N, C-alpha and C. Protein backbone atom coordinates (compact mmCIF):
# COMPACT_ATOMS: atom_id res chain seq x y z
N UNK A 1 -23.13 -8.10 -4.19
CA UNK A 1 -23.35 -7.59 -2.86
C UNK A 1 -22.06 -7.63 -2.02
N UNK A 2 -21.33 -8.75 -2.11
CA UNK A 2 -20.09 -8.86 -1.35
C UNK A 2 -19.08 -7.82 -1.82
N UNK A 3 -18.99 -7.62 -3.13
CA UNK A 3 -18.06 -6.62 -3.66
C UNK A 3 -18.39 -5.24 -3.11
N UNK A 4 -19.65 -4.89 -3.06
CA UNK A 4 -20.07 -3.59 -2.55
C UNK A 4 -19.72 -3.45 -1.07
N UNK A 5 -19.92 -4.49 -0.29
CA UNK A 5 -19.58 -4.44 1.13
C UNK A 5 -18.08 -4.28 1.34
N UNK A 6 -17.29 -5.01 0.55
CA UNK A 6 -15.83 -4.89 0.66
C UNK A 6 -15.38 -3.48 0.27
N UNK A 7 -15.97 -2.96 -0.79
CA UNK A 7 -15.63 -1.61 -1.25
C UNK A 7 -15.98 -0.57 -0.20
N UNK A 8 -17.14 -0.70 0.40
CA UNK A 8 -17.59 0.25 1.42
C UNK A 8 -16.67 0.21 2.64
N UNK A 9 -16.33 -0.97 3.11
CA UNK A 9 -15.45 -1.09 4.28
C UNK A 9 -14.08 -0.47 4.01
N UNK A 10 -13.50 -0.80 2.87
CA UNK A 10 -12.18 -0.24 2.53
C UNK A 10 -12.26 1.28 2.38
N UNK A 11 -13.31 1.76 1.74
CA UNK A 11 -13.48 3.21 1.56
C UNK A 11 -13.65 3.92 2.90
N UNK A 12 -14.37 3.31 3.81
CA UNK A 12 -14.56 3.91 5.13
C UNK A 12 -13.24 4.03 5.88
N UNK A 13 -12.41 3.02 5.81
CA UNK A 13 -11.12 3.06 6.51
C UNK A 13 -10.23 4.15 5.92
N UNK A 14 -10.15 4.21 4.60
CA UNK A 14 -9.32 5.22 3.95
C UNK A 14 -9.87 6.62 4.22
N UNK A 15 -11.18 6.79 4.11
CA UNK A 15 -11.81 8.09 4.36
C UNK A 15 -11.59 8.55 5.80
N UNK A 16 -11.71 7.62 6.73
CA UNK A 16 -11.48 7.97 8.14
C UNK A 16 -10.04 8.44 8.35
N UNK A 17 -9.10 7.73 7.77
CA UNK A 17 -7.68 8.10 7.95
C UNK A 17 -7.39 9.46 7.31
N UNK A 18 -7.96 9.72 6.14
CA UNK A 18 -7.71 11.03 5.51
C UNK A 18 -8.37 12.15 6.32
N UNK A 19 -9.53 11.91 6.89
CA UNK A 19 -10.17 12.89 7.76
C UNK A 19 -9.33 13.13 9.01
N UNK A 20 -8.85 12.05 9.59
CA UNK A 20 -8.05 12.14 10.80
C UNK A 20 -6.73 12.88 10.56
N UNK A 21 -6.22 12.82 9.35
CA UNK A 21 -4.95 13.49 9.03
C UNK A 21 -5.03 15.00 9.27
N UNK A 22 -6.21 15.57 9.13
CA UNK A 22 -6.37 17.00 9.39
C UNK A 22 -6.37 17.33 10.87
N UNK A 23 -6.69 16.38 11.72
CA UNK A 23 -6.78 16.62 13.16
C UNK A 23 -5.58 16.05 13.92
N UNK A 24 -5.19 14.84 13.55
CA UNK A 24 -4.08 14.15 14.22
C UNK A 24 -3.23 13.45 13.17
N UNK A 25 -2.39 14.19 12.43
CA UNK A 25 -1.66 13.57 11.33
C UNK A 25 -0.73 12.44 11.74
N UNK A 26 -0.17 12.51 12.94
CA UNK A 26 0.73 11.43 13.37
C UNK A 26 -0.05 10.14 13.61
N UNK A 27 -1.26 10.24 14.15
CA UNK A 27 -2.09 9.06 14.35
C UNK A 27 -2.60 8.52 13.02
N UNK A 28 -2.99 9.42 12.13
CA UNK A 28 -3.47 9.00 10.80
C UNK A 28 -2.35 8.27 10.05
N UNK A 29 -1.14 8.78 10.14
CA UNK A 29 -0.01 8.12 9.50
C UNK A 29 0.24 6.73 10.06
N UNK A 30 0.11 6.61 11.37
CA UNK A 30 0.29 5.30 11.99
C UNK A 30 -0.79 4.33 11.52
N UNK A 31 -2.03 4.80 11.47
CA UNK A 31 -3.14 3.93 11.05
C UNK A 31 -2.93 3.47 9.60
N UNK A 32 -2.55 4.39 8.73
CA UNK A 32 -2.33 4.02 7.33
C UNK A 32 -1.14 3.08 7.19
N UNK A 33 -0.14 3.23 8.06
CA UNK A 33 1.03 2.35 7.99
C UNK A 33 0.71 0.93 8.47
N UNK A 34 -0.36 0.78 9.24
CA UNK A 34 -0.76 -0.56 9.65
C UNK A 34 -1.14 -1.38 8.42
N UNK A 35 -0.99 -2.66 8.51
CA UNK A 35 -1.34 -3.48 7.33
C UNK A 35 -2.85 -3.72 7.22
N UNK A 36 -3.64 -2.64 7.37
CA UNK A 36 -5.10 -2.79 7.31
C UNK A 36 -5.55 -3.33 5.97
N UNK A 37 -5.03 -2.76 4.91
CA UNK A 37 -5.45 -3.24 3.59
C UNK A 37 -5.02 -4.68 3.38
N UNK A 38 -3.87 -5.04 3.90
CA UNK A 38 -3.40 -6.42 3.79
C UNK A 38 -4.31 -7.36 4.57
N UNK A 39 -4.63 -6.98 5.79
CA UNK A 39 -5.52 -7.82 6.60
C UNK A 39 -6.87 -8.01 5.91
N UNK A 40 -7.42 -6.91 5.40
CA UNK A 40 -8.72 -6.99 4.73
C UNK A 40 -8.63 -7.80 3.45
N UNK A 41 -7.64 -7.51 2.61
CA UNK A 41 -7.54 -8.18 1.32
C UNK A 41 -7.30 -9.68 1.48
N UNK A 42 -6.44 -10.07 2.40
CA UNK A 42 -6.20 -11.49 2.61
C UNK A 42 -7.46 -12.21 3.11
N UNK A 43 -8.15 -11.59 4.05
CA UNK A 43 -9.37 -12.20 4.58
C UNK A 43 -10.46 -12.26 3.50
N UNK A 44 -10.63 -11.16 2.76
CA UNK A 44 -11.64 -11.14 1.69
C UNK A 44 -11.33 -12.18 0.63
N UNK A 45 -10.06 -12.27 0.24
CA UNK A 45 -9.66 -13.21 -0.81
C UNK A 45 -9.90 -14.65 -0.37
N UNK A 46 -9.47 -14.97 0.83
CA UNK A 46 -9.67 -16.34 1.31
C UNK A 46 -11.16 -16.67 1.45
N UNK A 47 -11.92 -15.73 2.00
CA UNK A 47 -13.36 -15.96 2.18
C UNK A 47 -14.07 -16.18 0.84
N UNK A 48 -13.62 -15.47 -0.17
CA UNK A 48 -14.28 -15.56 -1.47
C UNK A 48 -13.86 -16.80 -2.26
N UNK A 49 -12.57 -17.13 -2.25
CA UNK A 49 -12.07 -18.20 -3.11
C UNK A 49 -11.74 -19.50 -2.38
N UNK A 50 -11.59 -19.47 -1.07
CA UNK A 50 -11.30 -20.67 -0.27
C UNK A 50 -10.10 -21.45 -0.81
N UNK A 51 -9.05 -20.72 -1.19
CA UNK A 51 -7.85 -21.35 -1.76
C UNK A 51 -6.65 -20.98 -0.89
N UNK A 52 -6.30 -21.85 0.08
CA UNK A 52 -5.20 -21.51 0.98
C UNK A 52 -3.87 -21.31 0.27
N UNK A 53 -3.58 -22.10 -0.75
CA UNK A 53 -2.30 -21.97 -1.45
C UNK A 53 -2.20 -20.61 -2.13
N UNK A 54 -3.27 -20.19 -2.76
CA UNK A 54 -3.29 -18.88 -3.41
C UNK A 54 -3.17 -17.76 -2.37
N UNK A 55 -3.80 -17.93 -1.23
CA UNK A 55 -3.71 -16.93 -0.17
C UNK A 55 -2.29 -16.80 0.38
N UNK A 56 -1.59 -17.92 0.48
CA UNK A 56 -0.20 -17.89 0.95
C UNK A 56 0.69 -17.17 -0.07
N UNK A 57 0.52 -17.46 -1.35
CA UNK A 57 1.29 -16.77 -2.38
C UNK A 57 0.97 -15.28 -2.36
N UNK A 58 -0.30 -14.93 -2.19
CA UNK A 58 -0.73 -13.55 -2.08
C UNK A 58 0.00 -12.87 -0.92
N UNK A 59 0.04 -13.51 0.24
CA UNK A 59 0.71 -12.95 1.42
C UNK A 59 2.22 -12.79 1.18
N UNK A 60 2.84 -13.76 0.53
CA UNK A 60 4.27 -13.65 0.22
C UNK A 60 4.54 -12.48 -0.72
N UNK A 61 3.67 -12.32 -1.70
CA UNK A 61 3.82 -11.21 -2.62
C UNK A 61 3.72 -9.87 -1.90
N UNK A 62 2.80 -9.78 -0.96
CA UNK A 62 2.65 -8.56 -0.17
C UNK A 62 3.91 -8.32 0.66
N UNK A 63 4.44 -9.38 1.25
CA UNK A 63 5.66 -9.27 2.06
C UNK A 63 6.81 -8.68 1.25
N UNK A 64 6.96 -9.13 0.03
CA UNK A 64 8.02 -8.62 -0.84
C UNK A 64 7.71 -7.18 -1.26
N UNK A 65 6.43 -6.89 -1.51
CA UNK A 65 6.05 -5.58 -2.02
C UNK A 65 6.19 -4.46 -1.00
N UNK A 66 6.04 -4.76 0.26
CA UNK A 66 6.05 -3.70 1.27
C UNK A 66 7.34 -2.87 1.23
N UNK A 67 8.52 -3.49 1.32
CA UNK A 67 9.72 -2.64 1.25
C UNK A 67 9.90 -1.98 -0.13
N UNK A 68 9.48 -2.65 -1.18
CA UNK A 68 9.61 -2.07 -2.52
C UNK A 68 8.75 -0.81 -2.64
N UNK A 69 7.58 -0.81 -2.03
CA UNK A 69 6.71 0.36 -2.13
C UNK A 69 7.26 1.57 -1.38
N UNK A 70 8.23 1.36 -0.53
CA UNK A 70 8.85 2.49 0.16
C UNK A 70 9.63 3.39 -0.81
N UNK A 71 9.92 2.88 -2.01
CA UNK A 71 10.58 3.71 -3.03
C UNK A 71 9.78 4.98 -3.29
N UNK A 72 8.45 4.90 -3.15
CA UNK A 72 7.60 6.07 -3.39
C UNK A 72 8.03 7.25 -2.52
N UNK A 73 8.50 7.00 -1.31
CA UNK A 73 8.80 8.06 -0.36
C UNK A 73 10.19 8.66 -0.52
N UNK A 74 11.04 8.05 -1.31
CA UNK A 74 12.42 8.55 -1.47
C UNK A 74 12.47 10.00 -1.93
N UNK A 75 11.71 10.40 -2.96
CA UNK A 75 11.76 11.81 -3.35
C UNK A 75 11.29 12.77 -2.24
N UNK A 76 10.37 12.33 -1.41
CA UNK A 76 9.91 13.19 -0.32
C UNK A 76 11.00 13.34 0.74
N UNK A 77 11.78 12.28 0.94
CA UNK A 77 12.89 12.37 1.90
C UNK A 77 13.97 13.33 1.41
N UNK A 78 14.11 13.42 0.10
CA UNK A 78 15.12 14.30 -0.50
C UNK A 78 14.58 15.68 -0.84
N UNK A 79 13.31 15.93 -0.62
CA UNK A 79 12.67 17.17 -1.06
C UNK A 79 13.32 18.42 -0.48
N UNK A 80 13.58 18.44 0.80
CA UNK A 80 14.19 19.64 1.42
C UNK A 80 15.61 19.85 0.94
N UNK A 81 16.36 18.80 0.89
CA UNK A 81 17.77 18.92 0.52
C UNK A 81 17.95 19.39 -0.92
N UNK A 82 17.08 18.93 -1.83
CA UNK A 82 17.22 19.26 -3.25
C UNK A 82 16.14 20.21 -3.75
N UNK A 83 15.40 20.84 -2.85
CA UNK A 83 14.34 21.80 -3.18
C UNK A 83 13.37 21.23 -4.22
N UNK A 84 12.88 20.05 -3.93
CA UNK A 84 11.93 19.39 -4.82
C UNK A 84 10.51 19.77 -4.37
N UNK A 85 9.70 20.23 -5.30
CA UNK A 85 8.32 20.59 -4.97
C UNK A 85 7.48 19.33 -4.75
N UNK A 86 6.32 19.52 -4.13
CA UNK A 86 5.45 18.37 -3.89
C UNK A 86 5.06 17.66 -5.18
N UNK A 87 4.58 18.39 -6.21
CA UNK A 87 4.17 17.68 -7.43
C UNK A 87 5.32 16.87 -8.07
N UNK A 88 6.52 17.43 -8.05
CA UNK A 88 7.67 16.71 -8.62
C UNK A 88 7.99 15.48 -7.77
N UNK A 89 7.96 15.63 -6.45
CA UNK A 89 8.22 14.49 -5.57
C UNK A 89 7.16 13.40 -5.77
N UNK A 90 5.92 13.82 -5.91
CA UNK A 90 4.82 12.87 -6.07
C UNK A 90 4.96 12.08 -7.37
N UNK A 91 5.18 12.78 -8.46
CA UNK A 91 5.33 12.11 -9.77
C UNK A 91 6.59 11.24 -9.77
N UNK A 92 7.67 11.73 -9.17
CA UNK A 92 8.90 10.93 -9.10
C UNK A 92 8.67 9.67 -8.27
N UNK A 93 7.93 9.80 -7.18
CA UNK A 93 7.62 8.64 -6.35
C UNK A 93 6.82 7.60 -7.12
N UNK A 94 5.87 8.06 -7.91
CA UNK A 94 5.08 7.13 -8.73
C UNK A 94 5.97 6.44 -9.76
N UNK A 95 6.90 7.20 -10.35
CA UNK A 95 7.83 6.59 -11.31
C UNK A 95 8.69 5.53 -10.62
N UNK A 96 9.14 5.82 -9.41
CA UNK A 96 9.93 4.83 -8.67
C UNK A 96 9.10 3.60 -8.32
N UNK A 97 7.81 3.79 -8.07
CA UNK A 97 6.94 2.64 -7.84
C UNK A 97 6.87 1.76 -9.09
N UNK A 98 6.83 2.41 -10.25
CA UNK A 98 6.82 1.65 -11.50
C UNK A 98 8.07 0.79 -11.63
N UNK A 99 9.21 1.37 -11.32
CA UNK A 99 10.46 0.60 -11.35
C UNK A 99 10.44 -0.50 -10.29
N UNK A 100 9.87 -0.18 -9.12
CA UNK A 100 9.79 -1.15 -8.04
C UNK A 100 8.92 -2.35 -8.40
N UNK A 101 7.94 -2.12 -9.25
CA UNK A 101 7.07 -3.23 -9.68
C UNK A 101 7.89 -4.32 -10.36
N UNK A 102 8.82 -3.91 -11.22
CA UNK A 102 9.65 -4.91 -11.91
C UNK A 102 10.58 -5.63 -10.94
N UNK A 103 11.08 -4.92 -9.94
CA UNK A 103 11.88 -5.56 -8.90
C UNK A 103 11.02 -6.57 -8.13
N UNK A 104 9.80 -6.18 -7.82
CA UNK A 104 8.88 -7.08 -7.12
C UNK A 104 8.62 -8.34 -7.93
N UNK A 105 8.36 -8.18 -9.22
CA UNK A 105 8.11 -9.35 -10.08
C UNK A 105 9.31 -10.29 -10.09
N UNK A 106 10.50 -9.72 -10.12
CA UNK A 106 11.71 -10.54 -10.15
C UNK A 106 11.86 -11.31 -8.83
N UNK A 107 11.69 -10.63 -7.71
CA UNK A 107 11.83 -11.29 -6.40
C UNK A 107 10.70 -12.29 -6.19
N UNK A 108 9.46 -11.90 -6.51
CA UNK A 108 8.31 -12.79 -6.31
C UNK A 108 8.40 -14.04 -7.19
N UNK A 109 9.14 -13.96 -8.27
CA UNK A 109 9.32 -15.12 -9.13
C UNK A 109 10.07 -16.26 -8.46
N UNK A 110 10.73 -15.99 -7.36
CA UNK A 110 11.47 -17.02 -6.64
C UNK A 110 10.57 -17.97 -5.89
N UNK A 111 9.34 -17.58 -5.64
CA UNK A 111 8.44 -18.48 -4.91
C UNK A 111 7.26 -18.74 -5.78
């Protein structure tokens, strides 16, 4: 039951933001950029497992991951300059996320 409630809440937030993107894309972008998923995931994790040490490590991992996940957007920033199509930018961004994962593991290993 708890899993279903968590899934529904997260789905509602994402669905609302994607709907809003058609009407107010700048507001939708701001909402998605907020750490909503982080706030929800940290609260859900702590509520479910009651392990403060694990929750702190989880938060540190998120802190390291946030700048690394920006690698996804690099091809989109270069799209106009290098005439990169959306599908190519999207797939390239996912590939950069894959590389970023290994960087994240290396940095997160310090704590």
